[in-house]
Amino acid sequence: MQKERNVFIKIEEYNDILDLIALINEKVKEARLILGKLNELKNQEDSELLAWKNSLDEVERKLKYIDQSLFEPKF
């Protein structure tokens, strides 16, 4: 069993520590908000990229159809 030990610190230092902890907590909240915004932007970007890919796939499909219709021999 360990002995309990008292720790004494100056009130000014204690208040400084409390202020520092409050500041750190505020910065963590800000970081979470920024992370949420970045995640939202990433999701929008992914959605846009998928739309572009689908558009390109559609153009490619139509070009193949035109190429087959015009240039492949018909029996």
PDB file of N, CA and C in Angstrom:
ATOM      1  N   MET A   1       0.839  -1.171   0.000  1.00  0.00           N
ATOM      2  CA  MET A   1       0.000   0.000   0.000  1.00  0.00           C
ATOM      3  C   MET A   1       0.888   1.240   0.000  1.00  0.00           C
ATOM      4  N   GLN A   2       0.538   2.207  -0.865  1.00  0.00           N
ATOM      5  CA  GLN A   2       1.335   3.422  -0.960  1.00  0.00           C
ATOM      6  C   GLN A   2       0.849   4.463   0.031  1.00  0.00           C
ATOM      7  N   LYS A   3       1.779   5.237   0.467  1.00  0.00           N
ATOM      8  CA  LYS A   3       1.450   6.357   1.334  1.00  0.00           C
ATOM      9  C   LYS A   3       0.908   7.505   0.495  1.00  0.00           C
ATOM     10  N   GLU A   4      -0.109   8.156   1.002  1.00  0.00           N
ATOM     11  CA  GLU A   4      -0.613   9.344   0.323  1.00  0.00           C
ATOM     12  C   GLU A   4       0.322  10.505   0.627  1.00  0.00           C
ATOM     13  N   ARG A   5       0.582  11.272  -0.399  1.00  0.00           N
ATOM     14  CA  ARG A   5       1.453  12.434  -0.237  1.00  0.00           C
ATOM     15  C   ARG A   5       0.701  13.669  -0.671  1.00  0.00           C
ATOM     16  N   ASN A   6       0.874  14.699   0.055  1.00  0.00           N
ATOM     17  CA  ASN A   6       0.263  15.971  -0.305  1.00  0.00           C
ATOM     18  C   ASN A   6       1.186  16.722  -1.254  1.00  0.00           C
ATOM     19  N   VAL A   7       0.570  17.360  -2.221  1.00  0.00           N
ATOM     20  CA  VAL A   7       1.316  18.179  -3.162  1.00  0.00           C
ATOM     21  C   VAL A   7       0.851  19.611  -2.984  1.00  0.00           C
ATOM     22  N   PHE A   8       1.769  20.487  -2.774  1.00  0.00           N
ATOM     23  CA  PHE A   8       1.442  21.893  -2.582  1.00  0.00           C
ATOM     24  C   PHE A   8       1.942  22.688  -3.780  1.00  0.00           C
ATOM     25  N   ILE A   9       1.054  23.513  -4.319  1.00  0.00           N
ATOM     26  CA  ILE A   9       1.457  24.411  -5.391  1.00  0.00           C
ATOM     27  C   ILE A   9       0.890  25.789  -5.095  1.00  0.00           C
ATOM     28  N   LYS A  10       1.507  26.762  -5.680  1.00  0.00           N
ATOM     29  CA  LYS A  10       1.043  28.134  -5.483  1.00  0.00           C
ATOM     30  C   LYS A  10      -0.282  28.334  -6.212  1.00  0.00           C
ATOM     31  N   ILE A  11      -1.143  29.156  -5.646  1.00  0.00           N
ATOM     32  CA  ILE A  11      -2.443  29.441  -6.252  1.00  0.00           C
ATOM     33  C   ILE A  11      -2.271  30.006  -7.654  1.00  0.00           C
ATOM     34  N   GLU A  12      -1.290  30.877  -7.859  1.00  0.00           N
ATOM     35  CA  GLU A  12      -1.052  31.462  -9.182  1.00  0.00           C
ATOM     36  C   GLU A  12      -0.734  30.360 -10.199  1.00  0.00           C
ATOM     37  N   GLU A  13       0.100  29.411  -9.799  1.00  0.00           N
ATOM     38  CA  GLU A  13       0.451  28.313 -10.699  1.00  0.00           C
ATOM     39  C   GLU A  13      -0.768  27.438 -10.975  1.00  0.00           C
ATOM     40  N   TYR A  14      -1.582  27.210  -9.976  1.00  0.00           N
ATOM     41  CA  TYR A  14      -2.801  26.418 -10.139  1.00  0.00           C
ATOM     42  C   TYR A  14      -3.735  27.113 -11.127  1.00  0.00           C
ATOM     43  N   ASN A  15      -3.911  28.413 -10.967  1.00  0.00           N
ATOM     44  CA  ASN A  15      -4.772  29.163 -11.888  1.00  0.00           C
ATOM     45  C   ASN A  15      -4.199  29.158 -13.306  1.00  0.00           C
ATOM     46  N   ASP A  16      -2.877  29.256 -13.417  1.00  0.00           N
ATOM     47  CA  ASP A  16      -2.241  29.180 -14.734  1.00  0.00           C
ATOM     48  C   ASP A  16      -2.502  27.825 -15.386  1.00  0.00           C
ATOM     49  N   ILE A  17      -2.421  26.770 -14.587  1.00  0.00           N
ATOM     50  CA  ILE A  17      -2.678  25.418 -15.099  1.00  0.00           C
ATOM     51  C   ILE A  17      -4.126  25.292 -15.555  1.00  0.00           C
ATOM     52  N   LEU A  18      -5.054  25.811 -14.754  1.00  0.00           N
ATOM     53  CA  LEU A  18      -6.474  25.775 -15.138  1.00  0.00           C
ATOM     54  C   LEU A  18      -6.711  26.540 -16.442  1.00  0.00           C
ATOM     55  N   ASP A  19      -6.081  27.711 -16.579  1.00  0.00           N
ATOM     56  CA  ASP A  19      -6.205  28.484 -17.816  1.00  0.00           C
ATOM     57  C   ASP A  19      -5.640  27.723 -18.998  1.00  0.00           C
ATOM     58  N   LEU A  20      -4.507  27.076 -18.792  1.00  0.00           N
ATOM     59  CA  LEU A  20      -3.877  26.304 -19.857  1.00  0.00           C
ATOM     60  C   LEU A  20      -4.755  25.124 -20.269  1.00  0.00           C
ATOM     61  N   ILE A  21      -5.326  24.446 -19.315  1.00  0.00           N
ATOM     62  CA  ILE A  21      -6.212  23.316 -19.617  1.00  0.00           C
ATOM     63  C   ILE A  21      -7.443  23.803 -20.377  1.00  0.00           C
ATOM     64  N   ALA A  22      -8.003  24.935 -19.971  1.00  0.00           N
ATOM     65  CA  ALA A  22      -9.158  25.498 -20.675  1.00  0.00           C
ATOM     66  C   ALA A  22      -8.792  25.854 -22.112  1.00  0.00           C
ATOM     67  N   LEU A  23      -7.610  26.424 -22.305  1.00  0.00           N
ATOM     68  CA  LEU A  23      -7.145  26.768 -23.646  1.00  0.00           C
ATOM     69  C   LEU A  23      -6.968  25.517 -24.507  1.00  0.00           C
ATOM     70  N   ILE A  24      -6.385  24.491 -23.936  1.00  0.00           N
ATOM     71  CA  ILE A  24      -6.195  23.234 -24.667  1.00  0.00           C
ATOM     72  C   ILE A  24      -7.546  22.642 -25.053  1.00  0.00           C
ATOM     73  N   ASN A  25      -8.497  22.658 -24.126  1.00  0.00           N
ATOM     74  CA  ASN A  25      -9.836  22.143 -24.431  1.00  0.00           C
ATOM     75  C   ASN A  25     -10.481  22.933 -25.566  1.00  0.00           C
ATOM     76  N   GLU A  26     -10.316  24.236 -25.566  1.00  0.00           N
ATOM     77  CA  GLU A  26     -10.870  25.076 -26.629  1.00  0.00           C
ATOM     78  C   GLU A  26     -10.216  24.745 -27.969  1.00  0.00           C
ATOM     79  N   LYS A  27      -8.905  24.540 -27.969  1.00  0.00           N
ATOM     80  CA  LYS A  27      -8.193  24.194 -29.205  1.00  0.00           C
ATOM     81  C   LYS A  27      -8.627  22.815 -29.725  1.00  0.00           C
ATOM     82  N   VAL A  28      -8.892  21.898 -28.816  1.00  0.00           N
ATOM     83  CA  VAL A  28      -9.370  20.570 -29.231  1.00  0.00           C
ATOM     84  C   VAL A  28     -10.752  20.699 -29.885  1.00  0.00           C
ATOM     85  N   LYS A  29     -11.617  21.531 -29.318  1.00  0.00           N
ATOM     86  CA  LYS A  29     -12.936  21.756 -29.916  1.00  0.00           C
ATOM     87  C   LYS A  29     -12.808  22.361 -31.304  1.00  0.00           C
ATOM     88  N   GLU A  30     -11.921  23.357 -31.436  1.00  0.00           N
ATOM     89  CA  GLU A  30     -11.687  23.973 -32.741  1.00  0.00           C
ATOM     90  C   GLU A  30     -11.166  22.948 -33.743  1.00  0.00           C
ATOM     91  N   ALA A  31     -10.247  22.097 -33.297  1.00  0.00           N
ATOM     92  CA  ALA A  31      -9.684  21.069 -34.176  1.00  0.00           C
ATOM     93  C   ALA A  31     -10.766  20.097 -34.624  1.00  0.00           C
ATOM     94  N   ARG A  32     -11.667  19.749 -33.730  1.00  0.00           N
ATOM     95  CA  ARG A  32     -12.774  18.841 -34.101  1.00  0.00           C
ATOM     96  C   ARG A  32     -13.689  19.488 -35.133  1.00  0.00           C
ATOM     97  N   LEU A  33     -13.980  20.783 -34.965  1.00  0.00           N
ATOM     98  CA  LEU A  33     -14.807  21.489 -35.948  1.00  0.00           C
ATOM     99  C   LEU A  33     -14.125  21.521 -37.309  1.00  0.00           C
ATOM    100  N   ILE A  34     -12.842  21.827 -37.316  1.00  0.00           N
ATOM    101  CA  ILE A  34     -12.084  21.869 -38.568  1.00  0.00           C
ATOM    102  C   ILE A  34     -12.060  20.487 -39.217  1.00  0.00           C
ATOM    103  N   LEU A  35     -11.845  19.458 -38.410  1.00  0.00           N
ATOM    104  CA  LEU A  35     -11.831  18.096 -38.933  1.00  0.00           C
ATOM    105  C   LEU A  35     -13.184  17.733 -39.546  1.00  0.00           C
ATOM    106  N   GLY A  36     -14.254  18.135 -38.893  1.00  0.00           N
ATOM    107  CA  GLY A  36     -15.593  17.885 -39.438  1.00  0.00           C
ATOM    108  C   GLY A  36     -15.801  18.584 -40.767  1.00  0.00           C
ATOM    109  N   LYS A  37     -15.344  19.840 -40.869  1.00  0.00           N
ATOM    110  CA  LYS A  37     -15.465  20.580 -42.122  1.00  0.00           C
ATOM    111  C   LYS A  37     -14.625  19.936 -43.227  1.00  0.00           C
ATOM    112  N   LEU A  38     -13.416  19.510 -42.870  1.00  0.00           N
ATOM    113  CA  LEU A  38     -12.558  18.838 -43.857  1.00  0.00           C
ATOM    114  C   LEU A  38     -13.188  17.538 -44.343  1.00  0.00           C
ATOM    115  N   ASN A  39     -13.791  16.809 -43.436  1.00  0.00           N
ATOM    116  CA  ASN A  39     -14.449  15.558 -43.806  1.00  0.00           C
ATOM    117  C   ASN A  39     -15.635  15.831 -44.736  1.00  0.00           C
ATOM    118  N   GLU A  40     -16.375  16.896 -44.442  1.00  0.00           N
ATOM    119  CA  GLU A  40     -17.500  17.269 -45.297  1.00  0.00           C
ATOM    120  C   GLU A  40     -17.011  17.652 -46.690  1.00  0.00           C
ATOM    121  N   LEU A  41     -15.930  18.438 -46.757  1.00  0.00           N
ATOM    122  CA  LEU A  41     -15.358  18.805 -48.050  1.00  0.00           C
ATOM    123  C   LEU A  41     -14.864  17.587 -48.815  1.00  0.00           C
ATOM    124  N   LYS A  42     -14.244  16.655 -48.104  1.00  0.00           N
ATOM    125  CA  LYS A  42     -13.758  15.427 -48.745  1.00  0.00           C
ATOM    126  C   LYS A  42     -14.921  14.638 -49.330  1.00  0.00           C
ATOM    127  N   ASN A  43     -16.021  14.552 -48.576  1.00  0.00           N
ATOM    128  CA  ASN A  43     -17.194  13.829 -49.077  1.00  0.00           C
ATOM    129  C   ASN A  43     -17.767  14.504 -50.324  1.00  0.00           C
ATOM    130  N   GLN A  44     -17.804  15.841 -50.318  1.00  0.00           N
ATOM    131  CA  GLN A  44     -18.280  16.568 -51.498  1.00  0.00           C
ATOM    132  C   GLN A  44     -17.350  16.327 -52.681  1.00  0.00           C
ATOM    133  N   GLU A  45     -16.048  16.350 -52.405  1.00  0.00           N
ATOM    134  CA  GLU A  45     -15.072  16.109 -53.463  1.00  0.00           C
ATOM    135  C   GLU A  45     -15.241  14.700 -54.031  1.00  0.00           C
ATOM    136  N   ASP A  46     -15.395  13.721 -53.163  1.00  0.00           N
ATOM    137  CA  ASP A  46     -15.583  12.340 -53.623  1.00  0.00           C
ATOM    138  C   ASP A  46     -16.836  12.219 -54.489  1.00  0.00           C
ATOM    139  N   SER A  47     -17.895  12.915 -54.091  1.00  0.00           N
ATOM    140  CA  SER A  47     -19.141  12.891 -54.847  1.00  0.00           C
ATOM    141  C   SER A  47     -18.940  13.507 -56.232  1.00  0.00           C
ATOM    142  N   GLU A  48     -18.250  14.640 -56.288  1.00  0.00           N
ATOM    143  CA  GLU A  48     -17.973  15.291 -57.573  1.00  0.00           C
ATOM    144  C   GLU A  48     -17.110  14.404 -58.471  1.00  0.00           C
ATOM    145  N   LEU A  49     -16.085  13.794 -57.891  1.00  0.00           N
ATOM    146  CA  LEU A  49     -15.217  12.921 -58.684  1.00  0.00           C
ATOM    147  C   LEU A  49     -15.994  11.735 -59.235  1.00  0.00           C
ATOM    148  N   LEU A  50     -16.888  11.188 -58.441  1.00  0.00           N
ATOM    149  CA  LEU A  50     -17.709  10.072 -58.913  1.00  0.00           C
ATOM    150  C   LEU A  50     -18.621  10.518 -60.053  1.00  0.00           C
ATOM    151  N   ALA A  51     -19.190  11.713 -59.934  1.00  0.00           N
ATOM    152  CA  ALA A  51     -20.042  12.241 -61.009  1.00  0.00           C
ATOM    153  C   ALA A  51     -19.233  12.412 -62.293  1.00  0.00           C
ATOM    154  N   TRP A  52     -18.002  12.951 -62.178  1.00  0.00           N
ATOM    155  CA  TRP A  52     -17.144  13.099 -63.352  1.00  0.00           C
ATOM    156  C   TRP A  52     -16.821  11.753 -63.968  1.00  0.00           C
ATOM    157  N   LYS A  53     -16.504  10.775 -63.116  1.00  0.00           N
ATOM    158  CA  LYS A  53     -16.185   9.432 -63.612  1.00  0.00           C
ATOM    159  C   LYS A  53     -17.378   8.849 -64.355  1.00  0.00           C
ATOM    160  N   ASN A  54     -18.559   9.004 -63.780  1.00  0.00           N
ATOM    161  CA  ASN A  54     -19.765   8.472 -64.431  1.00  0.00           C
ATOM    162  C   ASN A  54     -20.017   9.160 -65.773  1.00  0.00           C
ATOM    163  N   SER A  55     -19.776  10.463 -65.828  1.00  0.00           N
ATOM    164  CA  SER A  55     -19.940  11.192 -67.091  1.00  0.00           C
ATOM    165  C   SER A  55     -18.958  10.691 -68.134  1.00  0.00           C
ATOM    166  N   LEU A  56     -17.706  10.509 -67.731  1.00  0.00           N
ATOM    167  CA  LEU A  56     -16.698   9.998 -68.669  1.00  0.00           C
ATOM    168  C   LEU A  56     -17.030   8.581 -69.126  1.00  0.00           C
ATOM    169  N   ASP A  57     -17.513   7.759 -68.211  1.00  0.00           N
ATOM    170  CA  ASP A  57     -17.915   6.399 -68.584  1.00  0.00           C
ATOM    171  C   ASP A  57     -19.045   6.435 -69.610  1.00  0.00           C
ATOM    172  N   GLU A  58     -19.980   7.347 -69.427  1.00  0.00           N
ATOM    173  CA  GLU A  58     -21.106   7.480 -70.356  1.00  0.00           C
ATOM    174  C   GLU A  58     -20.630   7.948 -71.732  1.00  0.00           C
ATOM    175  N   VAL A  59     -19.733   8.913 -71.760  1.00  0.00           N
ATOM    176  CA  VAL A  59     -19.174   9.384 -73.033  1.00  0.00           C
ATOM    177  C   VAL A  59     -18.422   8.253 -73.724  1.00  0.00           C
ATOM    178  N   GLU A  60     -17.639   7.521 -72.960  1.00  0.00           N
ATOM    179  CA  GLU A  60     -16.882   6.410 -73.532  1.00  0.00           C
ATOM    180  C   GLU A  60     -17.828   5.343 -74.096  1.00  0.00           C
ATOM    181  N   ARG A  61     -18.898   5.053 -73.390  1.00  0.00           N
ATOM    182  CA  ARG A  61     -19.872   4.060 -73.856  1.00  0.00           C
ATOM    183  C   ARG A  61     -20.514   4.516 -75.171  1.00  0.00           C
ATOM    184  N   LYS A  62     -20.861   5.788 -75.240  1.00  0.00           N
ATOM    185  CA  LYS A  62     -21.481   6.319 -76.462  1.00  0.00           C
ATOM    186  C   LYS A  62     -20.503   6.321 -77.621  1.00  0.00           C
ATOM    187  N   LEU A  63     -19.245   6.656 -77.359  1.00  0.00           N
ATOM    188  CA  LEU A  63     -18.244   6.628 -78.415  1.00  0.00           C
ATOM    189  C   LEU A  63     -18.035   5.215 -78.956  1.00  0.00           C
ATOM    190  N   LYS A  64     -18.032   4.236 -78.070  1.00  0.00           N
ATOM    191  CA  LYS A  64     -17.893   2.842 -78.526  1.00  0.00           C
ATOM    192  C   LYS A  64     -19.068   2.446 -79.408  1.00  0.00           C
ATOM    193  N   TYR A  65     -20.249   2.855 -79.008  1.00  0.00           N
ATOM    194  CA  TYR A  65     -21.448   2.538 -79.788  1.00  0.00           C
ATOM    195  C   TYR A  65     -21.353   3.166 -81.180  1.00  0.00           C
ATOM    196  N   ILE A  66     -20.948   4.444 -81.235  1.00  0.00           N
ATOM    197  CA  ILE A  66     -20.815   5.131 -82.520  1.00  0.00           C
ATOM    198  C   ILE A  66     -19.751   4.447 -83.375  1.00  0.00           C
ATOM    199  N   ASP A  67     -18.619   4.124 -82.748  1.00  0.00           N
ATOM    200  CA  ASP A  67     -17.531   3.459 -83.466  1.00  0.00           C
ATOM    201  C   ASP A  67     -17.999   2.118 -84.022  1.00  0.00           C
ATOM    202  N   GLN A  68     -18.700   1.347 -83.223  1.00  0.00           N
ATOM    203  CA  GLN A  68     -19.189   0.046 -83.682  1.00  0.00           C
ATOM    204  C   GLN A  68     -20.233   0.216 -84.782  1.00  0.00           C
ATOM    205  N   SER A  69     -21.093   1.203 -84.641  1.00  0.00           N
ATOM    206  CA  SER A  69     -22.158   1.409 -85.619  1.00  0.00           C
ATOM    207  C   SER A  69     -21.604   1.864 -86.968  1.00  0.00           C
ATOM    208  N   LEU A  70     -20.590   2.689 -86.949  1.00  0.00           N
ATOM    209  CA  LEU A  70     -20.075   3.247 -88.195  1.00  0.00           C
ATOM    210  C   LEU A  70     -19.005   2.417 -88.858  1.00  0.00           C
ATOM    211  N   PHE A  71     -18.158   1.757 -88.084  1.00  0.00           N
ATOM    212  CA  PHE A  71     -16.955   1.172 -88.663  1.00  0.00           C
ATOM    213  C   PHE A  71     -16.853  -0.337 -88.620  1.00  0.00           C
ATOM    214  N   GLU A  72     -17.714  -0.995 -87.887  1.00  0.00           N
ATOM    215  CA  GLU A  72     -17.639  -2.461 -87.871  1.00  0.00           C
ATOM    216  C   GLU A  72     -18.529  -3.015 -88.972  1.00  0.00           C
ATOM    217  N   PRO A  73     -18.022  -4.033 -89.675  1.00  0.00           N
ATOM    218  CA  PRO A  73     -18.818  -4.596 -90.788  1.00  0.00           C
ATOM    219  C   PRO A  73     -20.091  -5.253 -90.269  1.00  0.00           C
ATOM    220  N   LYS A  74     -21.134  -5.127 -91.063  1.00  0.00           N
ATOM    221  CA  LYS A  74     -22.414  -5.749 -90.707  1.00  0.00           C
ATOM    222  C   LYS A  74     -22.675  -6.877 -91.694  1.00  0.00           C
ATOM    223  N   PHE A  75     -23.032  -7.991 -91.165  1.00  0.00           N
ATOM    224  CA  PHE A  75     -23.265  -9.162 -92.029  1.00  0.00           C
ATOM    225  C   PHE A  75     -24.723  -9.434 -92.167  1.00  0.00           C
TER     226      PHE A  75
END
